[in-house]
Amino acid sequence: MSKISRELEELGQSEIQSSVIGKKVMETLKELDKIAYVRFASVYTNFKEVGEFGEYIEKLDAKPKK
Protein backbone atom coordinates (compact mmCIF):
# COMPACT_ATOMS: atom_id res chain seq x y z
CA MET A 1 0.00 0.00 0.00
CA SER A 2 2.92 2.37 0.49
CA LYS A 3 3.56 2.16 -3.28
CA ILE A 4 0.01 3.35 -3.93
CA SER A 5 0.34 6.12 -1.35
CA ARG A 6 3.56 7.35 -2.95
CA GLU A 7 2.05 7.32 -6.43
CA LEU A 8 -0.95 9.30 -5.22
CA GLU A 9 1.25 11.80 -3.39
CA GLU A 10 3.29 12.27 -6.57
CA LEU A 11 0.14 13.46 -8.33
CA GLY A 12 0.43 16.60 -6.18
CA GLN A 13 -3.31 16.96 -5.68
CA SER A 14 -4.98 17.72 -2.37
CA GLU A 15 -8.02 15.65 -3.38
CA ILE A 16 -7.99 12.48 -5.43
CA GLN A 17 -11.06 10.85 -6.94
CA SER A 18 -11.96 7.43 -5.60
CA SER A 19 -11.90 6.07 -9.16
CA VAL A 20 -8.19 6.91 -9.41
CA ILE A 21 -7.50 5.16 -6.10
CA GLY A 22 -9.55 2.14 -7.18
CA LYS A 23 -7.60 1.82 -10.43
CA LYS A 24 -4.27 2.02 -8.57
CA VAL A 25 -5.42 -0.68 -6.15
CA MET A 26 -6.51 -2.91 -9.04
CA GLU A 27 -3.18 -2.47 -10.84
CA THR A 28 -1.26 -3.37 -7.70
CA LEU A 29 -3.44 -6.37 -6.86
CA LYS A 30 -3.10 -7.67 -10.41
CA GLU A 31 0.67 -7.85 -9.90
CA LEU A 32 0.53 -9.27 -6.35
CA ASP A 33 -2.43 -11.63 -6.13
CA LYS A 34 -4.67 -12.49 -9.07
CA ILE A 35 -7.43 -13.92 -6.88
CA ALA A 36 -7.54 -10.76 -4.76
CA TYR A 37 -7.54 -8.74 -7.99
CA VAL A 38 -10.61 -10.56 -9.34
CA ARG A 39 -12.41 -10.31 -6.01
CA PHE A 40 -11.73 -6.57 -5.77
CA ALA A 41 -12.68 -6.06 -9.42
CA SER A 42 -15.98 -7.87 -8.90
CA VAL A 43 -16.98 -5.36 -6.23
CA TYR A 44 -15.24 -2.27 -7.63
CA THR A 45 -16.62 -2.66 -11.14
CA ASN A 46 -19.97 -4.00 -9.91
CA PHE A 47 -20.24 -6.96 -12.28
CA LYS A 48 -23.78 -7.38 -13.57
CA GLU A 49 -23.27 -10.50 -15.70
CA VAL A 50 -21.22 -13.66 -15.33
CA GLY A 51 -19.59 -12.84 -18.67
CA GLU A 52 -18.03 -9.70 -17.23
CA PHE A 53 -16.40 -11.80 -14.53
CA GLY A 54 -15.08 -14.14 -17.20
CA GLU A 55 -13.58 -11.26 -19.16
CA TYR A 56 -11.41 -10.27 -16.20
CA ILE A 57 -10.24 -13.85 -15.77
CA GLU A 58 -9.43 -14.12 -19.48
CA LYS A 59 -7.33 -10.95 -19.27
CA LEU A 60 -5.34 -12.49 -16.44
CA ASP A 61 -4.73 -15.67 -18.41
CA ALA A 62 -3.79 -13.83 -21.62
CA LYS A 63 -0.12 -13.81 -22.37
CA PRO A 64 1.37 -10.41 -23.22
CA LYS A 65 2.03 -9.94 -26.91
CA LYS A 66 5.57 -9.06 -27.96
PDB file of N, CA and C in Angstrom:
ATOM      1  N   MET A   1       0.812  -1.195   0.000  1.00  0.00           N
ATOM      2  CA  MET A   1       0.000   0.000   0.000  1.00  0.00           C
ATOM      3  C   MET A   1       0.860   1.265   0.000  1.00  0.00           C
ATOM      4  N   SER A   2       2.076   1.177   0.489  1.00  0.00           N
ATOM      5  CA  SER A   2       2.918   2.368   0.487  1.00  0.00           C
ATOM      6  C   SER A   2       3.241   2.797  -0.944  1.00  0.00           C
ATOM      7  N   LYS A   3       3.327   1.827  -1.868  1.00  0.00           N
ATOM      8  CA  LYS A   3       3.561   2.158  -3.278  1.00  0.00           C
ATOM      9  C   LYS A   3       2.409   3.009  -3.804  1.00  0.00           C
ATOM     10  N   ILE A   4       1.190   2.605  -3.488  1.00  0.00           N
ATOM     11  CA  ILE A   4       0.010   3.349  -3.932  1.00  0.00           C
ATOM     12  C   ILE A   4       0.006   4.740  -3.314  1.00  0.00           C
ATOM     13  N   SER A   5       0.305   4.823  -2.031  1.00  0.00           N
ATOM     14  CA  SER A   5       0.344   6.122  -1.347  1.00  0.00           C
ATOM     15  C   SER A   5       1.348   7.053  -2.005  1.00  0.00           C
ATOM     16  N   ARG A   6       2.535   6.518  -2.302  1.00  0.00           N
ATOM     17  CA  ARG A   6       3.564   7.347  -2.946  1.00  0.00           C
ATOM     18  C   ARG A   6       3.110   7.831  -4.317  1.00  0.00           C
ATOM     19  N   GLU A   7       2.522   6.933  -5.094  1.00  0.00           N
ATOM     20  CA  GLU A   7       2.053   7.318  -6.429  1.00  0.00           C
ATOM     21  C   GLU A   7       0.989   8.412  -6.342  1.00  0.00           C
ATOM     22  N   LEU A   8       0.093   8.295  -5.377  1.00  0.00           N
ATOM     23  CA  LEU A   8      -0.955   9.298  -5.218  1.00  0.00           C
ATOM     24  C   LEU A   8      -0.383  10.625  -4.749  1.00  0.00           C
ATOM     25  N   GLU A   9       0.602  10.575  -3.856  1.00  0.00           N
ATOM     26  CA  GLU A   9       1.253  11.804  -3.390  1.00  0.00           C
ATOM     27  C   GLU A   9       1.971  12.503  -4.532  1.00  0.00           C
ATOM     28  N   GLU A  10       2.562  11.710  -5.438  1.00  0.00           N
ATOM     29  CA  GLU A  10       3.290  12.269  -6.573  1.00  0.00           C
ATOM     30  C   GLU A  10       2.376  13.012  -7.540  1.00  0.00           C
ATOM     31  N   LEU A  11       1.080  12.739  -7.473  1.00  0.00           N
ATOM     32  CA  LEU A  11       0.137  13.463  -8.326  1.00  0.00           C
ATOM     33  C   LEU A  11       0.052  14.931  -7.915  1.00  0.00           C
ATOM     34  N   GLY A  12       0.401  15.221  -6.662  1.00  0.00           N
ATOM     35  CA  GLY A  12       0.431  16.595  -6.184  1.00  0.00           C
ATOM     36  C   GLY A  12      -0.937  17.237  -6.034  1.00  0.00           C
ATOM     37  N   GLN A  13      -1.957  16.431  -5.826  1.00  0.00           N
ATOM     38  CA  GLN A  13      -3.312  16.961  -5.678  1.00  0.00           C
ATOM     39  C   GLN A  13      -3.745  16.817  -4.229  1.00  0.00           C
ATOM     40  N   SER A  14      -4.493  17.798  -3.746  1.00  0.00           N
ATOM     41  CA  SER A  14      -4.978  17.717  -2.369  1.00  0.00           C
ATOM     42  C   SER A  14      -6.163  16.763  -2.254  1.00  0.00           C
ATOM     43  N   GLU A  15      -6.897  16.595  -3.348  1.00  0.00           N
ATOM     44  CA  GLU A  15      -8.016  15.652  -3.376  1.00  0.00           C
ATOM     45  C   GLU A  15      -7.856  14.738  -4.587  1.00  0.00           C
ATOM     46  N   ILE A  16      -8.123  13.457  -4.361  1.00  0.00           N
ATOM     47  CA  ILE A  16      -7.986  12.477  -5.431  1.00  0.00           C
ATOM     48  C   ILE A  16      -9.294  11.707  -5.532  1.00  0.00           C
ATOM     49  N   GLN A  17      -9.800  11.554  -6.734  1.00  0.00           N
ATOM     50  CA  GLN A  17     -11.061  10.850  -6.944  1.00  0.00           C
ATOM     51  C   GLN A  17     -10.915   9.384  -6.556  1.00  0.00           C
ATOM     52  N   SER A  18     -11.980   8.835  -6.021  1.00  0.00           N
ATOM     53  CA  SER A  18     -11.961   7.432  -5.604  1.00  0.00           C
ATOM     54  C   SER A  18     -11.717   6.504  -6.795  1.00  0.00           C
ATOM     55  N   SER A  19     -12.131   6.909  -7.979  1.00  0.00           N
ATOM     56  CA  SER A  19     -11.900   6.068  -9.161  1.00  0.00           C
ATOM     57  C   SER A  19     -10.408   5.925  -9.448  1.00  0.00           C
ATOM     58  N   VAL A  20      -9.643   6.964  -9.205  1.00  0.00           N
ATOM     59  CA  VAL A  20      -8.192   6.914  -9.410  1.00  0.00           C
ATOM     60  C   VAL A  20      -7.568   5.956  -8.392  1.00  0.00           C
ATOM     61  N   ILE A  21      -8.017   6.051  -7.154  1.00  0.00           N
ATOM     62  CA  ILE A  21      -7.505   5.164  -6.102  1.00  0.00           C
ATOM     63  C   ILE A  21      -7.869   3.718  -6.430  1.00  0.00           C
ATOM     64  N   GLY A  22      -9.108   3.491  -6.831  1.00  0.00           N
ATOM     65  CA  GLY A  22      -9.553   2.141  -7.180  1.00  0.00           C
ATOM     66  C   GLY A  22      -8.721   1.534  -8.289  1.00  0.00           C
ATOM     67  N   LYS A  23      -8.413   2.317  -9.312  1.00  0.00           N
ATOM     68  CA  LYS A  23      -7.599   1.818 -10.427  1.00  0.00           C
ATOM     69  C   LYS A  23      -6.185   1.469  -9.974  1.00  0.00           C
ATOM     70  N   LYS A  24      -5.621   2.300  -9.100  1.00  0.00           N
ATOM     71  CA  LYS A  24      -4.273   2.020  -8.567  1.00  0.00           C
ATOM     72  C   LYS A  24      -4.279   0.729  -7.759  1.00  0.00           C
ATOM     73  N   VAL A  25      -5.313   0.537  -6.952  1.00  0.00           N
ATOM     74  CA  VAL A  25      -5.420  -0.680  -6.150  1.00  0.00           C
ATOM     75  C   VAL A  25      -5.539  -1.894  -7.070  1.00  0.00           C
ATOM     76  N   MET A  26      -6.353  -1.792  -8.107  1.00  0.00           N
ATOM     77  CA  MET A  26      -6.514  -2.908  -9.040  1.00  0.00           C
ATOM     78  C   MET A  26      -5.202  -3.248  -9.731  1.00  0.00           C
ATOM     79  N   GLU A  27      -4.462  -2.238 -10.173  1.00  0.00           N
ATOM     80  CA  GLU A  27      -3.182  -2.467 -10.842  1.00  0.00           C
ATOM     81  C   GLU A  27      -2.211  -3.200  -9.920  1.00  0.00           C
ATOM     82  N   THR A  28      -2.173  -2.766  -8.663  1.00  0.00           N
ATOM     83  CA  THR A  28      -1.256  -3.374  -7.702  1.00  0.00           C
ATOM     84  C   THR A  28      -1.673  -4.799  -7.373  1.00  0.00           C
ATOM     85  N   LEU A  29      -2.963  -5.022  -7.156  1.00  0.00           N
ATOM     86  CA  LEU A  29      -3.442  -6.371  -6.860  1.00  0.00           C
ATOM     87  C   LEU A  29      -3.179  -7.321  -8.015  1.00  0.00           C
ATOM     88  N   LYS A  30      -3.316  -6.828  -9.233  1.00  0.00           N
ATOM     89  CA  LYS A  30      -3.101  -7.673 -10.407  1.00  0.00           C
ATOM     90  C   LYS A  30      -1.678  -8.224 -10.421  1.00  0.00           C
ATOM     91  N   GLU A  31      -0.727  -7.424  -9.952  1.00  0.00           N
ATOM     92  CA  GLU A  31       0.671  -7.853  -9.897  1.00  0.00           C
ATOM     93  C   GLU A  31       0.936  -8.785  -8.713  1.00  0.00           C
ATOM     94  N   LEU A  32       0.250  -8.538  -7.588  1.00  0.00           N
ATOM     95  CA  LEU A  32       0.534  -9.273  -6.351  1.00  0.00           C
ATOM     96  C   LEU A  32      -0.251 -10.567  -6.188  1.00  0.00           C
ATOM     97  N   ASP A  33      -1.550 -10.497  -6.447  1.00  0.00           N
ATOM     98  CA  ASP A  33      -2.430 -11.628  -6.133  1.00  0.00           C
ATOM     99  C   ASP A  33      -3.619 -11.603  -7.077  1.00  0.00           C
ATOM    100  N   LYS A  34      -3.622 -12.495  -8.032  1.00  0.00           N
ATOM    101  CA  LYS A  34      -4.667 -12.490  -9.067  1.00  0.00           C
ATOM    102  C   LYS A  34      -6.052 -12.780  -8.502  1.00  0.00           C
ATOM    103  N   ILE A  35      -6.132 -13.625  -7.487  1.00  0.00           N
ATOM    104  CA  ILE A  35      -7.432 -13.923  -6.877  1.00  0.00           C
ATOM    105  C   ILE A  35      -7.971 -12.676  -6.184  1.00  0.00           C
ATOM    106  N   ALA A  36      -7.122 -11.991  -5.430  1.00  0.00           N
ATOM    107  CA  ALA A  36      -7.540 -10.759  -4.763  1.00  0.00           C
ATOM    108  C   ALA A  36      -7.947  -9.708  -5.790  1.00  0.00           C
ATOM    109  N   TYR A  37      -7.224  -9.680  -6.911  1.00  0.00           N
ATOM    110  CA  TYR A  37      -7.543  -8.744  -7.987  1.00  0.00           C
ATOM    111  C   TYR A  37      -8.954  -8.981  -8.517  1.00  0.00           C
ATOM    112  N   VAL A  38      -9.284 -10.244  -8.798  1.00  0.00           N
ATOM    113  CA  VAL A  38     -10.607 -10.558  -9.345  1.00  0.00           C
ATOM    114  C   VAL A  38     -11.698 -10.270  -8.308  1.00  0.00           C
ATOM    115  N   ARG A  39     -11.430 -10.593  -7.064  1.00  0.00           N
ATOM    116  CA  ARG A  39     -12.413 -10.309  -6.012  1.00  0.00           C
ATOM    117  C   ARG A  39     -12.660  -8.814  -5.886  1.00  0.00           C
ATOM    118  N   PHE A  40     -11.590  -8.031  -5.863  1.00  0.00           N
ATOM    119  CA  PHE A  40     -11.735  -6.573  -5.767  1.00  0.00           C
ATOM    120  C   PHE A  40     -12.455  -6.039  -7.000  1.00  0.00           C
ATOM    121  N   ALA A  41     -12.065  -6.515  -8.172  1.00  0.00           N
ATOM    122  CA  ALA A  41     -12.682  -6.057  -9.419  1.00  0.00           C
ATOM    123  C   ALA A  41     -14.171  -6.357  -9.439  1.00  0.00           C
ATOM    124  N   SER A  42     -14.565  -7.506  -8.887  1.00  0.00           N
ATOM    125  CA  SER A  42     -15.980  -7.872  -8.902  1.00  0.00           C
ATOM    126  C   SER A  42     -16.820  -6.892  -8.099  1.00  0.00           C
ATOM    127  N   VAL A  43     -16.259  -6.346  -7.040  1.00  0.00           N
ATOM    128  CA  VAL A  43     -16.981  -5.359  -6.226  1.00  0.00           C
ATOM    129  C   VAL A  43     -16.800  -3.961  -6.814  1.00  0.00           C
ATOM    130  N   TYR A  44     -15.561  -3.617  -7.140  1.00  0.00           N
ATOM    131  CA  TYR A  44     -15.239  -2.274  -7.628  1.00  0.00           C
ATOM    132  C   TYR A  44     -15.961  -1.949  -8.937  1.00  0.00           C
ATOM    133  N   THR A  45     -15.987  -2.911  -9.852  1.00  0.00           N
ATOM    134  CA  THR A  45     -16.617  -2.659 -11.142  1.00  0.00           C
ATOM    135  C   THR A  45     -18.087  -3.041 -11.161  1.00  0.00           C
ATOM    136  N   ASN A  46     -18.555  -3.656 -10.068  1.00  0.00           N
ATOM    137  CA  ASN A  46     -19.971  -3.997  -9.911  1.00  0.00           C
ATOM    138  C   ASN A  46     -20.467  -4.858 -11.073  1.00  0.00           C
ATOM    139  N   PHE A  47     -19.852  -6.040 -11.211  1.00  0.00           N
ATOM    140  CA  PHE A  47     -20.244  -6.962 -12.276  1.00  0.00           C
ATOM    141  C   PHE A  47     -21.753  -7.182 -12.264  1.00  0.00           C
ATOM    142  N   LYS A  48     -22.340  -7.141 -13.426  1.00  0.00           N
ATOM    143  CA  LYS A  48     -23.776  -7.382 -13.574  1.00  0.00           C
ATOM    144  C   LYS A  48     -24.058  -8.748 -14.193  1.00  0.00           C
ATOM    145  N   GLU A  49     -23.103  -9.243 -14.966  1.00  0.00           N
ATOM    146  CA  GLU A  49     -23.267 -10.500 -15.696  1.00  0.00           C
ATOM    147  C   GLU A  49     -22.066 -11.405 -15.423  1.00  0.00           C
ATOM    148  N   VAL A  50     -22.292 -12.686 -15.513  1.00  0.00           N
ATOM    149  CA  VAL A  50     -21.215 -13.659 -15.330  1.00  0.00           C
ATOM    150  C   VAL A  50     -20.135 -13.448 -16.389  1.00  0.00           C
ATOM    151  N   GLY A  51     -20.544 -13.067 -17.582  1.00  0.00           N
ATOM    152  CA  GLY A  51     -19.592 -12.844 -18.666  1.00  0.00           C
ATOM    153  C   GLY A  51     -18.563 -11.780 -18.340  1.00  0.00           C
ATOM    154  N   GLU A  52     -18.966 -10.756 -17.614  1.00  0.00           N
ATOM    155  CA  GLU A  52     -18.028  -9.698 -17.230  1.00  0.00           C
ATOM    156  C   GLU A  52     -16.941 -10.270 -16.323  1.00  0.00           C
ATOM    157  N   PHE A  53     -17.340 -11.140 -15.423  1.00  0.00           N
ATOM    158  CA  PHE A  53     -16.397 -11.797 -14.526  1.00  0.00           C
ATOM    159  C   PHE A  53     -15.405 -12.612 -15.343  1.00  0.00           C
ATOM    160  N   GLY A  54     -15.925 -13.331 -16.324  1.00  0.00           N
ATOM    161  CA  GLY A  54     -15.083 -14.139 -17.197  1.00  0.00           C
ATOM    162  C   GLY A  54     -14.085 -13.318 -17.990  1.00  0.00           C
ATOM    163  N   GLU A  55     -14.476 -12.129 -18.404  1.00  0.00           N
ATOM    164  CA  GLU A  55     -13.578 -11.261 -19.164  1.00  0.00           C
ATOM    165  C   GLU A  55     -12.349 -10.895 -18.344  1.00  0.00           C
ATOM    166  N   TYR A  56     -12.547 -10.600 -17.050  1.00  0.00           N
ATOM    167  CA  TYR A  56     -11.410 -10.268 -16.197  1.00  0.00           C
ATOM    168  C   TYR A  56     -10.477 -11.460 -16.036  1.00  0.00           C
ATOM    169  N   ILE A  57     -11.059 -12.648 -15.915  1.00  0.00           N
ATOM    170  CA  ILE A  57     -10.236 -13.845 -15.765  1.00  0.00           C
ATOM    171  C   ILE A  57      -9.468 -14.116 -17.050  1.00  0.00           C
ATOM    172  N   GLU A  58     -10.111 -13.920 -18.195  1.00  0.00           N
ATOM    173  CA  GLU A  58      -9.431 -14.118 -19.477  1.00  0.00           C
ATOM    174  C   GLU A  58      -8.259 -13.162 -19.632  1.00  0.00           C
ATOM    175  N   LYS A  59      -8.423 -11.932 -19.191  1.00  0.00           N
ATOM    176  CA  LYS A  59      -7.335 -10.947 -19.270  1.00  0.00           C
ATOM    177  C   LYS A  59      -6.146 -11.388 -18.430  1.00  0.00           C
ATOM    178  N   LEU A  60      -6.426 -12.013 -17.289  1.00  0.00           N
ATOM    179  CA  LEU A  60      -5.336 -12.485 -16.439  1.00  0.00           C
ATOM    180  C   LEU A  60      -4.588 -13.642 -17.090  1.00  0.00           C
ATOM    181  N   ASP A  61      -5.319 -14.508 -17.786  1.00  0.00           N
ATOM    182  CA  ASP A  61      -4.727 -15.668 -18.414  1.00  0.00           C
ATOM    183  C   ASP A  61      -4.030 -15.346 -19.733  1.00  0.00           C
ATOM    184  N   ALA A  62      -4.378 -14.208 -20.320  1.00  0.00           N
ATOM    185  CA  ALA A  62      -3.795 -13.831 -21.622  1.00  0.00           C
ATOM    186  C   ALA A  62      -2.311 -13.540 -21.458  1.00  0.00           C
ATOM    187  N   LYS A  63      -1.560 -14.052 -22.390  1.00  0.00           N
ATOM    188  CA  LYS A  63      -0.117 -13.807 -22.370  1.00  0.00           C
ATOM    189  C   LYS A  63       0.154 -12.495 -23.088  1.00  0.00           C
ATOM    190  N   PRO A  64       1.058 -11.681 -22.549  1.00  0.00           N
ATOM    191  CA  PRO A  64       1.371 -10.415 -23.219  1.00  0.00           C
ATOM    192  C   PRO A  64       1.969 -10.652 -24.602  1.00  0.00           C
ATOM    193  N   LYS A  65       1.526  -9.834 -25.544  1.00  0.00           N
ATOM    194  CA  LYS A  65       2.035  -9.941 -26.912  1.00  0.00           C
ATOM    195  C   LYS A  65       3.323  -9.159 -27.032  1.00  0.00           C
ATOM    196  N   LYS A  66       4.255  -9.729 -27.782  1.00  0.00           N
ATOM    197  CA  LYS A  66       5.566  -9.055 -27.957  1.00  0.00           C
ATOM    198  C   LYS A  66       5.629  -8.352 -29.269  1.00  0.00           C
TER     199      LYS A  66
END
